[in-house]
C-alpha cells in the first residue's frame, strides 16, 4: 500500500522554539518538513490550516558561517515561497504563515510555533 504525501506530514499542535521543534521531529518522526515543490507546498498548506499558531516552523535555516539558507535534511533548495522583506540574519529560521498566501517568513529561533514533521 502506498501512502499519499499528506499521510507522511504530521502537524504538531504544540508551540515550540525552532530547535525544540527540530529535536521533537527527529525523536518522534524523521525531521522538520522541507518543501521542494509547489505540490509539496500545497500539501503542507493543507496541514497548516489546522495549526493553532499563526505560523508553522519549516526545516529551513540560515547559516551565518556559510552565508546561505539550507534545509536541515540536506534537500536542495529548488522551490521557495518567501513573503516580502526577506533578509539573511543569524539565528533565524523559516516559518510558513498558516493563512493568507501561506508565504514563508524569517522568524527568530526563540519564538514558539506549531510545526510539521515528516
PDB file of N, CA and C in Angstrom:
ATOM      1  N   UNK A   1       0.846  -1.185   0.000  1.00  0.00           N
ATOM      2  CA  UNK A   1       0.000   0.000   0.000  1.00  0.00           C
ATOM      3  C   UNK A   1       0.885   1.240   0.000  1.00  0.00           C
ATOM      4  N   UNK A   2       0.618   2.160  -0.893  1.00  0.00           N
ATOM      5  CA  UNK A   2       1.368   3.409  -0.954  1.00  0.00           C
ATOM      6  C   UNK A   2       0.658   4.473  -0.140  1.00  0.00           C
ATOM      7  N   UNK A   3       1.442   5.257   0.545  1.00  0.00           N
ATOM      8  CA  UNK A   3       0.883   6.381   1.293  1.00  0.00           C
ATOM      9  C   UNK A   3       0.938   7.626   0.433  1.00  0.00           C
ATOM     10  N   UNK A   4      -0.084   8.443   0.547  1.00  0.00           N
ATOM     11  CA  UNK A   4      -0.044   9.725  -0.156  1.00  0.00           C
ATOM     12  C   UNK A   4       0.895  10.649   0.601  1.00  0.00           C
ATOM     13  N   UNK A   5       1.416  11.685  -0.065  1.00  0.00           N
ATOM     14  CA  UNK A   5       2.315  12.622   0.623  1.00  0.00           C
ATOM     15  C   UNK A   5       1.691  13.240   1.867  1.00  0.00           C
ATOM     16  N   UNK A   6       0.375  13.468   1.837  1.00  0.00           N
ATOM     17  CA  UNK A   6      -0.248  14.087   3.011  1.00  0.00           C
ATOM     18  C   UNK A   6      -0.224  13.157   4.211  1.00  0.00           C
ATOM     19  N   UNK A   7      -0.135  11.838   3.974  1.00  0.00           N
ATOM     20  CA  UNK A   7      -0.056  10.893   5.087  1.00  0.00           C
ATOM     21  C   UNK A   7       1.304  10.930   5.775  1.00  0.00           C
ATOM     22  N   UNK A   8       2.311  11.457   5.093  1.00  0.00           N
ATOM     23  CA  UNK A   8       3.652  11.468   5.672  1.00  0.00           C
ATOM     24  C   UNK A   8       3.948  12.737   6.456  1.00  0.00           C
ATOM     25  N   UNK A   9       3.126  13.761   6.295  1.00  0.00           N
ATOM     26  CA  UNK A   9       3.320  15.026   7.000  1.00  0.00           C
ATOM     27  C   UNK A   9       2.446  15.070   8.240  1.00  0.00           C
ATOM     28  N   UNK A  10       3.023  15.442   9.374  1.00  0.00           N
ATOM     29  CA  UNK A  10       2.289  15.496  10.638  1.00  0.00           C
ATOM     30  C   UNK A  10       2.363  16.890  11.232  1.00  0.00           C
ATOM     31  N   UNK A  11       1.211  17.522  11.358  1.00  0.00           N
ATOM     32  CA  UNK A  11       1.134  18.801  12.060  1.00  0.00           C
ATOM     33  C   UNK A  11       1.188  18.521  13.550  1.00  0.00           C
ATOM     34  N   UNK A  12       2.089  19.170  14.246  1.00  0.00           N
ATOM     35  CA  UNK A  12       2.194  19.050  15.697  1.00  0.00           C
ATOM     36  C   UNK A  12       1.642  20.342  16.291  1.00  0.00           C
ATOM     37  N   UNK A  13       0.494  20.227  16.947  1.00  0.00           N
ATOM     38  CA  UNK A  13      -0.186  21.397  17.525  1.00  0.00           C
ATOM     39  C   UNK A  13       0.361  21.708  18.911  1.00  0.00           C
ATOM     40  N   UNK A  14       1.656  21.861  18.983  1.00  0.00           N
ATOM     41  CA  UNK A  14       2.334  22.263  20.219  1.00  0.00           C
ATOM     42  C   UNK A  14       3.249  23.413  19.845  1.00  0.00           C
ATOM     43  N   UNK A  15       3.262  24.450  20.647  1.00  0.00           N
ATOM     44  CA  UNK A  15       4.165  25.567  20.380  1.00  0.00           C
ATOM     45  C   UNK A  15       5.542  25.261  20.941  1.00  0.00           C
ATOM     46  N   UNK A  16       6.536  25.308  20.061  1.00  0.00           N
ATOM     47  CA  UNK A  16       7.919  25.061  20.460  1.00  0.00           C
ATOM     48  C   UNK A  16       8.831  26.026  19.707  1.00  0.00           C
ATOM     49  N   UNK A  17      10.023  26.254  20.265  1.00  0.00           N
ATOM     50  CA  UNK A  17      11.028  27.019  19.535  1.00  0.00           C
ATOM     51  C   UNK A  17      11.475  26.180  18.338  1.00  0.00           C
ATOM     52  N   UNK A  18      12.235  26.801  17.438  1.00  0.00           N
ATOM     53  CA  UNK A  18      12.672  26.063  16.259  1.00  0.00           C
ATOM     54  C   UNK A  18      13.531  24.854  16.642  1.00  0.00           C
ATOM     55  N   UNK A  19      14.466  25.037  17.555  1.00  0.00           N
ATOM     56  CA  UNK A  19      15.345  23.931  17.964  1.00  0.00           C
ATOM     57  C   UNK A  19      14.537  22.835  18.660  1.00  0.00           C
ATOM     58  N   UNK A  20      13.598  23.214  19.519  1.00  0.00           N
ATOM     59  CA  UNK A  20      12.746  22.218  20.181  1.00  0.00           C
ATOM     60  C   UNK A  20      11.915  21.448  19.154  1.00  0.00           C
ATOM     61  N   UNK A  21      11.400  22.153  18.149  1.00  0.00           N
ATOM     62  CA  UNK A  21      10.616  21.501  17.094  1.00  0.00           C
ATOM     63  C   UNK A  21      11.490  20.535  16.295  1.00  0.00           C
ATOM     64  N   UNK A  22      12.693  20.965  15.958  1.00  0.00           N
ATOM     65  CA  UNK A  22      13.625  20.103  15.229  1.00  0.00           C
ATOM     66  C   UNK A  22      13.907  18.830  16.020  1.00  0.00           C
ATOM     67  N   UNK A  23      14.236  18.977  17.291  1.00  0.00           N
ATOM     68  CA  UNK A  23      14.532  17.813  18.129  1.00  0.00           C
ATOM     69  C   UNK A  23      13.326  16.895  18.272  1.00  0.00           C
ATOM     70  N   UNK A  24      12.142  17.475  18.444  1.00  0.00           N
ATOM     71  CA  UNK A  24      10.914  16.684  18.566  1.00  0.00           C
ATOM     72  C   UNK A  24      10.702  15.840  17.308  1.00  0.00           C
ATOM     73  N   UNK A  25      10.797  16.473  16.147  1.00  0.00           N
ATOM     74  CA  UNK A  25      10.597  15.744  14.891  1.00  0.00           C
ATOM     75  C   UNK A  25      11.629  14.635  14.717  1.00  0.00           C
ATOM     76  N   UNK A  26      12.861  14.917  15.056  1.00  0.00           N
ATOM     77  CA  UNK A  26      13.909  13.907  14.890  1.00  0.00           C
ATOM     78  C   UNK A  26      13.757  12.755  15.874  1.00  0.00           C
ATOM     79  N   UNK A  27      13.215  13.021  17.048  1.00  0.00           N
ATOM     80  CA  UNK A  27      12.998  11.962  18.037  1.00  0.00           C
ATOM     81  C   UNK A  27      11.769  11.116  17.715  1.00  0.00           C
ATOM     82  N   UNK A  28      10.693  11.746  17.254  1.00  0.00           N
ATOM     83  CA  UNK A  28       9.413  11.046  17.094  1.00  0.00           C
ATOM     84  C   UNK A  28       9.110  10.633  15.652  1.00  0.00           C
ATOM     85  N   UNK A  29       9.670  11.335  14.677  1.00  0.00           N
ATOM     86  CA  UNK A  29       9.379  11.066  13.265  1.00  0.00           C
ATOM     87  C   UNK A  29      10.694  10.948  12.505  1.00  0.00           C
ATOM     88  N   UNK A  30      10.928  11.883  11.591  1.00  0.00           N
ATOM     89  CA  UNK A  30      12.196  11.875  10.853  1.00  0.00           C
ATOM     90  C   UNK A  30      12.887  13.234  10.964  1.00  0.00           C
ATOM     91  N   UNK A  31      12.177  14.297  10.560  1.00  0.00           N
ATOM     92  CA  UNK A  31      12.787  15.630  10.560  1.00  0.00           C
ATOM     93  C   UNK A  31      11.695  16.688  10.444  1.00  0.00           C
ATOM     94  N   UNK A  32      12.097  17.948  10.596  1.00  0.00           N
ATOM     95  CA  UNK A  32      11.197  19.051  10.262  1.00  0.00           C
ATOM     96  C   UNK A  32      10.992  19.043   8.750  1.00  0.00           C
ATOM     97  N   UNK A  33       9.838  19.472   8.322  1.00  0.00           N
ATOM     98  CA  UNK A  33       9.477  19.384   6.917  1.00  0.00           C
ATOM     99  C   UNK A  33      10.333  20.292   6.032  1.00  0.00           C
ATOM    100  N   UNK A  34      10.624  19.798   4.844  1.00  0.00           N
ATOM    101  CA  UNK A  34      11.223  20.611   3.791  1.00  0.00           C
ATOM    102  C   UNK A  34      10.216  20.659   2.646  1.00  0.00           C
ATOM    103  N   UNK A  35      10.219  21.756   1.918  1.00  0.00           N
ATOM    104  CA  UNK A  35       9.279  21.937   0.809  1.00  0.00           C
ATOM    105  C   UNK A  35      10.097  22.163  -0.453  1.00  0.00           C
ATOM    106  N   UNK A  36      10.010  21.224  -1.379  1.00  0.00           N
ATOM    107  CA  UNK A  36      10.857  21.285  -2.566  1.00  0.00           C
ATOM    108  C   UNK A  36      10.078  21.474  -3.865  1.00  0.00           C
ATOM    109  N   UNK A  37       8.759  21.636  -3.768  1.00  0.00           N
ATOM    110  CA  UNK A  37       7.959  21.826  -4.980  1.00  0.00           C
ATOM    111  C   UNK A  37       6.640  22.502  -4.627  1.00  0.00           C
ATOM    112  N   UNK A  38       5.964  22.989  -5.645  1.00  0.00           N
ATOM    113  CA  UNK A  38       4.649  23.592  -5.443  1.00  0.00           C
ATOM    114  C   UNK A  38       3.662  22.557  -4.908  1.00  0.00           C
ATOM    115  N   UNK A  39       3.749  21.318  -5.394  1.00  0.00           N
ATOM    116  CA  UNK A  39       2.865  20.263  -4.881  1.00  0.00           C
ATOM    117  C   UNK A  39       3.073  20.054  -3.387  1.00  0.00           C
ATOM    118  N   UNK A  40       4.325  19.982  -2.945  1.00  0.00           N
ATOM    119  CA  UNK A  40       4.589  19.836  -1.509  1.00  0.00           C
ATOM    120  C   UNK A  40       4.091  21.046  -0.739  1.00  0.00           C
ATOM    121  N   UNK A  41       4.269  22.238  -1.295  1.00  0.00           N
ATOM    122  CA  UNK A  41       3.759  23.451  -0.656  1.00  0.00           C
ATOM    123  C   UNK A  41       2.255  23.307  -0.413  1.00  0.00           C
ATOM    124  N   UNK A  42       1.533  22.842  -1.404  1.00  0.00           N
ATOM    125  CA  UNK A  42       0.078  22.677  -1.276  1.00  0.00           C
ATOM    126  C   UNK A  42      -0.274  21.641  -0.216  1.00  0.00           C
ATOM    127  N   UNK A  43       0.471  20.530  -0.171  1.00  0.00           N
ATOM    128  CA  UNK A  43       0.203  19.508   0.845  1.00  0.00           C
ATOM    129  C   UNK A  43       0.449  20.056   2.248  1.00  0.00           C
ATOM    130  N   UNK A  44       1.524  20.820   2.396  1.00  0.00           N
ATOM    131  CA  UNK A  44       1.850  21.399   3.703  1.00  0.00           C
ATOM    132  C   UNK A  44       0.816  22.456   4.087  1.00  0.00           C
ATOM    133  N   UNK A  45       0.405  23.275   3.128  1.00  0.00           N
ATOM    134  CA  UNK A  45      -0.642  24.264   3.396  1.00  0.00           C
ATOM    135  C   UNK A  45      -1.898  23.595   3.931  1.00  0.00           C
ATOM    136  N   UNK A  46      -2.248  22.455   3.358  1.00  0.00           N
ATOM    137  CA  UNK A  46      -3.441  21.733   3.788  1.00  0.00           C
ATOM    138  C   UNK A  46      -3.326  21.317   5.253  1.00  0.00           C
ATOM    139  N   UNK A  47      -2.147  20.876   5.657  1.00  0.00           N
ATOM    140  CA  UNK A  47      -1.919  20.518   7.061  1.00  0.00           C
ATOM    141  C   UNK A  47      -1.896  21.762   7.949  1.00  0.00           C
ATOM    142  N   UNK A  48      -1.234  22.810   7.483  1.00  0.00           N
ATOM    143  CA  UNK A  48      -1.016  24.014   8.293  1.00  0.00           C
ATOM    144  C   UNK A  48      -2.308  24.753   8.621  1.00  0.00           C
ATOM    145  N   UNK A  49      -3.339  24.588   7.819  1.00  0.00           N
ATOM    146  CA  UNK A  49      -4.585  25.320   8.085  1.00  0.00           C
ATOM    147  C   UNK A  49      -5.220  24.917   9.414  1.00  0.00           C
ATOM    148  N   UNK A  50      -4.812  23.777   9.965  1.00  0.00           N
ATOM    149  CA  UNK A  50      -5.335  23.313  11.254  1.00  0.00           C
ATOM    150  C   UNK A  50      -4.436  23.681  12.432  1.00  0.00           C
ATOM    151  N   UNK A  51      -3.411  24.466  12.187  1.00  0.00           N
ATOM    152  CA  UNK A  51      -2.483  24.869  13.256  1.00  0.00           C
ATOM    153  C   UNK A  51      -3.167  25.844  14.210  1.00  0.00           C
ATOM    154  N   UNK A  52      -2.691  25.850  15.437  1.00  0.00           N
ATOM    155  CA  UNK A  52      -3.221  26.780  16.444  1.00  0.00           C
ATOM    156  C   UNK A  52      -2.327  28.008  16.598  1.00  0.00           C
ATOM    157  N   UNK A  53      -1.304  28.129  15.767  1.00  0.00           N
ATOM    158  CA  UNK A  53      -0.408  29.292  15.801  1.00  0.00           C
ATOM    159  C   UNK A  53      -0.454  29.973  14.432  1.00  0.00           C
ATOM    160  N   UNK A  54      -0.046  31.249  14.352  1.00  0.00           N
ATOM    161  CA  UNK A  54      -0.119  31.965  13.075  1.00  0.00           C
ATOM    162  C   UNK A  54       0.919  31.501  12.048  1.00  0.00           C
ATOM    163  N   UNK A  55       1.912  30.767  12.501  1.00  0.00           N
ATOM    164  CA  UNK A  55       2.958  30.228  11.631  1.00  0.00           C
ATOM    165  C   UNK A  55       3.242  28.794  12.040  1.00  0.00           C
ATOM    166  N   UNK A  56       3.842  28.032  11.128  1.00  0.00           N
ATOM    167  CA  UNK A  56       4.402  26.716  11.453  1.00  0.00           C
ATOM    168  C   UNK A  56       5.867  26.730  11.039  1.00  0.00           C
ATOM    169  N   UNK A  57       6.700  26.148  11.893  1.00  0.00           N
ATOM    170  CA  UNK A  57       8.124  26.062  11.576  1.00  0.00           C
ATOM    171  C   UNK A  57       8.357  25.126  10.395  1.00  0.00           C
ATOM    172  N   UNK A  58       9.318  25.503   9.561  1.00  0.00           N
ATOM    173  CA  UNK A  58       9.819  24.659   8.483  1.00  0.00           C
ATOM    174  C   UNK A  58      11.249  24.263   8.832  1.00  0.00           C
ATOM    175  N   UNK A  59      11.770  23.268   8.154  1.00  0.00           N
ATOM    176  CA  UNK A  59      13.147  22.843   8.396  1.00  0.00           C
ATOM    177  C   UNK A  59      14.159  23.643   7.598  1.00  0.00           C
ATOM    178  N   UNK A  60      13.931  24.933   7.482  1.00  0.00           N
ATOM    179  CA  UNK A  60      14.789  25.812   6.690  1.00  0.00           C
ATOM    180  C   UNK A  60      15.483  26.799   7.614  1.00  0.00           C
ATOM    181  N   UNK A  61      16.814  26.854   7.529  1.00  0.00           N
ATOM    182  CA  UNK A  61      17.601  27.651   8.466  1.00  0.00           C
ATOM    183  C   UNK A  61      18.682  28.415   7.710  1.00  0.00           C
ATOM    184  N   UNK A  62      19.073  29.545   8.281  1.00  0.00           N
ATOM    185  CA  UNK A  62      20.138  30.354   7.688  1.00  0.00           C
ATOM    186  C   UNK A  62      21.441  30.119   8.442  1.00  0.00           C
ATOM    187  N   UNK A  63      22.524  29.881   7.705  1.00  0.00           N
ATOM    188  CA  UNK A  63      23.849  29.713   8.287  1.00  0.00           C
ATOM    189  C   UNK A  63      24.640  30.998   8.116  1.00  0.00           C
ATOM    190  N   UNK A  64      24.992  31.632   9.236  1.00  0.00           N
ATOM    191  CA  UNK A  64      25.821  32.847   9.171  1.00  0.00           C
ATOM    192  C   UNK A  64      27.224  32.509   8.679  1.00  0.00           C
ATOM    193  N   UNK A  65      27.748  31.402   9.146  1.00  0.00           N
ATOM    194  CA  UNK A  65      29.101  30.991   8.788  1.00  0.00           C
ATOM    195  C   UNK A  65      29.233  30.762   7.287  1.00  0.00           C
ATOM    196  N   UNK A  66      28.268  30.067   6.714  1.00  0.00           N
ATOM    197  CA  UNK A  66      28.323  29.735   5.292  1.00  0.00           C
ATOM    198  C   UNK A  66      27.587  30.742   4.415  1.00  0.00           C
ATOM    199  N   UNK A  67      26.802  31.617   5.036  1.00  0.00           N
ATOM    200  CA  UNK A  67      26.075  32.679   4.340  1.00  0.00           C
ATOM    201  C   UNK A  67      25.084  32.144   3.301  1.00  0.00           C
ATOM    202  N   UNK A  68      24.281  31.145   3.709  1.00  0.00           N
ATOM    203  CA  UNK A  68      23.203  30.684   2.832  1.00  0.00           C
ATOM    204  C   UNK A  68      22.132  29.954   3.636  1.00  0.00           C
ATOM    205  N   UNK A  69      20.959  29.815   3.023  1.00  0.00           N
ATOM    206  CA  UNK A  69      19.837  29.073   3.598  1.00  0.00           C
ATOM    207  C   UNK A  69      19.982  27.604   3.236  1.00  0.00           C
ATOM    208  N   UNK A  70      19.551  26.705   4.118  1.00  0.00           N
ATOM    209  CA  UNK A  70      19.625  25.275   3.830  1.00  0.00           C
ATOM    210  C   UNK A  70      18.477  24.537   4.512  1.00  0.00           C
ATOM    211  N   UNK A  71      18.059  23.439   3.890  1.00  0.00           N
ATOM    212  CA  UNK A  71      17.099  22.529   4.517  1.00  0.00           C
ATOM    213  C   UNK A  71      17.871  21.618   5.460  1.00  0.00           C
ATOM    214  N   UNK A  72      17.345  21.379   6.642  1.00  0.00           N
ATOM    215  CA  UNK A  72      18.072  20.585   7.633  1.00  0.00           C
ATOM    216  C   UNK A  72      18.224  19.125   7.225  1.00  0.00           C
ATOM    217  N   UNK A  73      17.410  18.649   6.291  1.00  0.00           N
ATOM    218  CA  UNK A  73      17.542  17.263   5.836  1.00  0.00           C
ATOM    219  C   UNK A  73      18.390  17.160   4.567  1.00  0.00           C
ATOM    220  N   UNK A  74      19.096  18.247   4.236  1.00  0.00           N
ATOM    221  CA  UNK A  74      20.013  18.300   3.091  1.00  0.00           C
ATOM    222  C   UNK A  74      19.338  18.292   1.726  1.00  0.00           C
ATOM    223  N   UNK A  75      18.023  18.494   1.670  1.00  0.00           N
ATOM    224  CA  UNK A  75      17.348  18.643   0.376  1.00  0.00           C
ATOM    225  C   UNK A  75      17.869  19.910  -0.302  1.00  0.00           C
ATOM    226  N   UNK A  76      17.934  19.877  -1.606  1.00  0.00           N
ATOM    227  CA  UNK A  76      18.340  21.055  -2.375  1.00  0.00           C
ATOM    228  C   UNK A  76      17.201  22.077  -2.350  1.00  0.00           C
ATOM    229  N   UNK A  77      17.540  23.348  -2.218  1.00  0.00           N
ATOM    230  CA  UNK A  77      16.516  24.396  -2.262  1.00  0.00           C
ATOM    231  C   UNK A  77      16.192  24.656  -3.731  1.00  0.00           C
ATOM    232  N   UNK A  78      15.087  24.076  -4.168  1.00  0.00           N
ATOM    233  CA  UNK A  78      14.686  24.202  -5.566  1.00  0.00           C
ATOM    234  C   UNK A  78      13.368  24.955  -5.711  1.00  0.00           C
ATOM    235  N   UNK A  79      12.724  25.234  -4.600  1.00  0.00           N
ATOM    236  CA  UNK A  79      11.440  25.938  -4.598  1.00  0.00           C
ATOM    237  C   UNK A  79      11.413  26.832  -3.370  1.00  0.00           C
ATOM    238  N   UNK A  80      10.880  28.045  -3.510  1.00  0.00           N
ATOM    239  CA  UNK A  80      10.688  28.925  -2.355  1.00  0.00           C
ATOM    240  C   UNK A  80       9.355  29.647  -2.482  1.00  0.00           C
ATOM    241  N   UNK A  81       8.860  30.117  -1.363  1.00  0.00           N
ATOM    242  CA  UNK A  81       7.613  30.882  -1.337  1.00  0.00           C
ATOM    243  C   UNK A  81       7.753  32.021  -0.322  1.00  0.00           C
ATOM    244  N   UNK A  82       8.852  32.761  -0.420  1.00  0.00           N
ATOM    245  CA  UNK A  82       9.137  33.830   0.527  1.00  0.00           C
ATOM    246  C   UNK A  82       8.117  34.952   0.436  1.00  0.00           C
ATOM    247  N   UNK A  83       7.744  35.471   1.580  1.00  0.00           N
ATOM    248  CA  UNK A  83       6.943  36.679   1.656  1.00  0.00           C
ATOM    249  C   UNK A  83       7.844  37.882   1.447  1.00  0.00           C
ATOM    250  N   UNK A  84       7.293  39.085   1.567  1.00  0.00           N
ATOM    251  CA  UNK A  84       8.100  40.294   1.380  1.00  0.00           C
ATOM    252  C   UNK A  84       9.130  40.478   2.496  1.00  0.00           C
ATOM    253  N   UNK A  85      10.141  41.274   2.203  1.00  0.00           N
ATOM    254  CA  UNK A  85      11.155  41.690   3.184  1.00  0.00           C
ATOM    255  C   UNK A  85      12.025  40.552   3.698  1.00  0.00           C
ATOM    256  N   UNK A  86      12.368  39.597   2.845  1.00  0.00           N
ATOM    257  CA  UNK A  86      13.265  38.513   3.257  1.00  0.00           C
ATOM    258  C   UNK A  86      14.657  39.088   3.483  1.00  0.00           C
ATOM    259  N   UNK A  87      15.251  38.747   4.616  1.00  0.00           N
ATOM    260  CA  UNK A  87      16.622  39.139   4.919  1.00  0.00           C
ATOM    261  C   UNK A  87      17.403  37.905   5.331  1.00  0.00           C
ATOM    262  N   UNK A  88      18.694  38.009   5.341  1.00  0.00           N
ATOM    263  CA  UNK A  88      19.555  36.913   5.773  1.00  0.00           C
ATOM    264  C   UNK A  88      20.198  37.320   7.085  1.00  0.00           C
ATOM    265  N   UNK A  89      19.678  36.794   8.182  1.00  0.00           N
ATOM    266  CA  UNK A  89      20.178  37.156   9.504  1.00  0.00           C
ATOM    267  C   UNK A  89      20.518  35.905  10.300  1.00  0.00           C
ATOM    268  N   UNK A  90      21.476  36.052  11.194  1.00  0.00           N
ATOM    269  CA  UNK A  90      21.902  34.936  12.037  1.00  0.00           C
ATOM    270  C   UNK A  90      20.789  34.503  12.982  1.00  0.00           C
ATOM    271  N   UNK A  91      20.830  33.225  13.347  1.00  0.00           N
ATOM    272  CA  UNK A  91      19.881  32.647  14.298  1.00  0.00           C
ATOM    273  C   UNK A  91      18.435  32.857  13.880  1.00  0.00           C
ATOM    274  N   UNK A  92      18.192  32.723  12.608  1.00  0.00           N
ATOM    275  CA  UNK A  92      16.843  32.846  12.083  1.00  0.00           C
ATOM    276  C   UNK A  92      16.494  31.583  11.304  1.00  0.00           C
ATOM    277  N   UNK A  93      15.210  31.271  11.316  1.00  0.00           N
ATOM    278  CA  UNK A  93      14.710  30.122  10.576  1.00  0.00           C
ATOM    279  C   UNK A  93      13.441  30.526   9.853  1.00  0.00           C
ATOM    280  N   UNK A  94      12.959  29.660   8.986  1.00  0.00           N
ATOM    281  CA  UNK A  94      11.770  29.974   8.198  1.00  0.00           C
ATOM    282  C   UNK A  94      10.530  29.350   8.814  1.00  0.00           C
ATOM    283  N   UNK A  95       9.461  30.124   8.771  1.00  0.00           N
ATOM    284  CA  UNK A  95       8.150  29.647   9.190  1.00  0.00           C
ATOM    285  C   UNK A  95       7.147  30.037   8.116  1.00  0.00           C
ATOM    286  N   UNK A  96       6.168  29.181   7.892  1.00  0.00           N
ATOM    287  CA  UNK A  96       5.135  29.455   6.905  1.00  0.00           C
ATOM    288  C   UNK A  96       3.890  29.966   7.610  1.00  0.00           C
ATOM    289  N   UNK A  97       3.307  31.040   7.069  1.00  0.00           N
ATOM    290  CA  UNK A  97       2.069  31.538   7.661  1.00  0.00           C
ATOM    291  C   UNK A  97       0.972  30.501   7.434  1.00  0.00           C
ATOM    292  N   UNK A  98       0.080  30.377   8.409  1.00  0.00           N
ATOM    293  CA  UNK A  98      -0.948  29.338   8.344  1.00  0.00           C
ATOM    294  C   UNK A  98      -2.222  29.816   7.656  1.00  0.00           C
ATOM    295  N   UNK A  99      -2.239  31.049   7.235  1.00  0.00           N
ATOM    296  CA  UNK A  99      -3.374  31.597   6.493  1.00  0.00           C
ATOM    297  C   UNK A  99      -2.856  32.439   5.352  1.00  0.00           C
ATOM    298  N   UNK A 100      -3.723  33.242   4.790  1.00  0.00           N
ATOM    299  CA  UNK A 100      -3.294  34.131   3.711  1.00  0.00           C
ATOM    300  C   UNK A 100      -2.735  33.362   2.534  1.00  0.00           C
ATOM    301  N   UNK A 101      -1.557  33.772   2.075  1.00  0.00           N
ATOM    302  CA  UNK A 101      -0.911  33.144   0.919  1.00  0.00           C
ATOM    303  C   UNK A 101       0.019  32.005   1.320  1.00  0.00           C
ATOM    304  N   UNK A 102       0.065  31.684   2.602  1.00  0.00           N
ATOM    305  CA  UNK A 102       0.962  30.638   3.108  1.00  0.00           C
ATOM    306  C   UNK A 102       2.407  30.900   2.702  1.00  0.00           C
ATOM    307  N   UNK A 103       2.788  32.177   2.762  1.00  0.00           N
ATOM    308  CA  UNK A 103       4.158  32.544   2.420  1.00  0.00           C
ATOM    309  C   UNK A 103       5.095  32.204   3.573  1.00  0.00           C
ATOM    310  N   UNK A 104       6.378  32.154   3.251  1.00  0.00           N
ATOM    311  CA  UNK A 104       7.410  31.867   4.241  1.00  0.00           C
ATOM    312  C   UNK A 104       7.969  33.176   4.768  1.00  0.00           C
ATOM    313  N   UNK A 105       8.223  33.200   6.069  1.00  0.00           N
ATOM    314  CA  UNK A 105       8.783  34.381   6.701  1.00  0.00           C
ATOM    315  C   UNK A 105       9.938  33.985   7.606  1.00  0.00           C
ATOM    316  N   UNK A 106      10.863  34.899   7.790  1.00  0.00           N
ATOM    317  CA  UNK A 106      12.009  34.678   8.659  1.00  0.00           C
ATOM    318  C   UNK A 106      11.607  35.041  10.075  1.00  0.00           C
ATOM    319  N   UNK A 107      11.852  34.105  10.994  1.00  0.00           N
ATOM    320  CA  UNK A 107      11.457  34.299  12.384  1.00  0.00           C
ATOM    321  C   UNK A 107      12.633  33.965  13.303  1.00  0.00           C
ATOM    322  N   UNK A 108      12.741  34.678  14.427  1.00  0.00           N
ATOM    323  CA  UNK A 108      13.778  34.333  15.411  1.00  0.00           C
ATOM    324  C   UNK A 108      13.539  32.924  15.958  1.00  0.00           C
ATOM    325  N   UNK A 109      14.611  32.191  16.140  1.00  0.00           N
ATOM    326  CA  UNK A 109      14.528  30.800  16.602  1.00  0.00           C
ATOM    327  C   UNK A 109      13.820  30.624  17.935  1.00  0.00           C
ATOM    328  N   UNK A 110      13.820  31.669  18.767  1.00  0.00           N
ATOM    329  CA  UNK A 110      13.253  31.508  20.111  1.00  0.00           C
ATOM    330  C   UNK A 110      11.746  31.746  20.167  1.00  0.00           C
ATOM    331  N   UNK A 111      11.133  32.152  19.050  1.00  0.00           N
ATOM    332  CA  UNK A 111       9.673  32.258  19.029  1.00  0.00           C
ATOM    333  C   UNK A 111       9.089  30.851  18.991  1.00  0.00           C
ATOM    334  N   UNK A 112       7.870  30.707  19.470  1.00  0.00           N
ATOM    335  CA  UNK A 112       7.260  29.376  19.564  1.00  0.00           C
ATOM    336  C   UNK A 112       6.051  29.265  18.641  1.00  0.00           C
ATOM    337  N   UNK A 113       6.090  28.235  17.789  1.00  0.00           N
ATOM    338  CA  UNK A 113       5.008  27.966  16.850  1.00  0.00           C
ATOM    339  C   UNK A 113       4.752  26.469  16.779  1.00  0.00           C
ATOM    340  N   UNK A 114       3.605  26.104  16.191  1.00  0.00           N
ATOM    341  CA  UNK A 114       3.360  24.721  15.808  1.00  0.00           C
ATOM    342  C   UNK A 114       4.385  24.379  14.724  1.00  0.00           C
ATOM    343  N   UNK A 115       4.438  23.129  14.326  1.00  0.00           N
ATOM    344  CA  UNK A 115       5.423  22.729  13.320  1.00  0.00           C
ATOM    345  C   UNK A 115       4.955  21.476  12.613  1.00  0.00           C
ATOM    346  N   UNK A 116       5.608  21.159  11.513  1.00  0.00           N
ATOM    347  CA  UNK A 116       5.236  19.997  10.717  1.00  0.00           C
ATOM    348  C   UNK A 116       6.437  19.076  10.584  1.00  0.00           C
ATOM    349  N   UNK A 117       6.204  17.824  10.949  1.00  0.00           N
ATOM    350  CA  UNK A 117       7.238  16.786  10.847  1.00  0.00           C
ATOM    351  C   UNK A 117       6.912  15.874   9.665  1.00  0.00           C
ATOM    352  N   UNK A 118       7.914  15.162   9.216  1.00  0.00           N
ATOM    353  CA  UNK A 118       7.680  14.096   8.239  1.00  0.00           C
ATOM    354  C   UNK A 118       8.489  12.885   8.632  1.00  0.00           C
TER     355      UNK A 118
END
